[in-house]
Amino acid sequence: HPDGALVKPKDPREYLSILQFHQRVSISNEYGFD
C-alpha cells in the first residue's frame, strides 16, 4: 500500500507536507545523504 495510506490528517496540507518530506528522504537516501 502507498505510504501514508493509514494516515488521515484533518488538514490536506499536512498530508502534502508529509508526502513531500518522504519524497525528500527518498531522494536523499538515493544519493547517500543522511
Foldseek 3Di string as FASTA:
>chain_A
DDPCPPPDDPDVVVVVVVVVVVVVVVVCVVVPHD
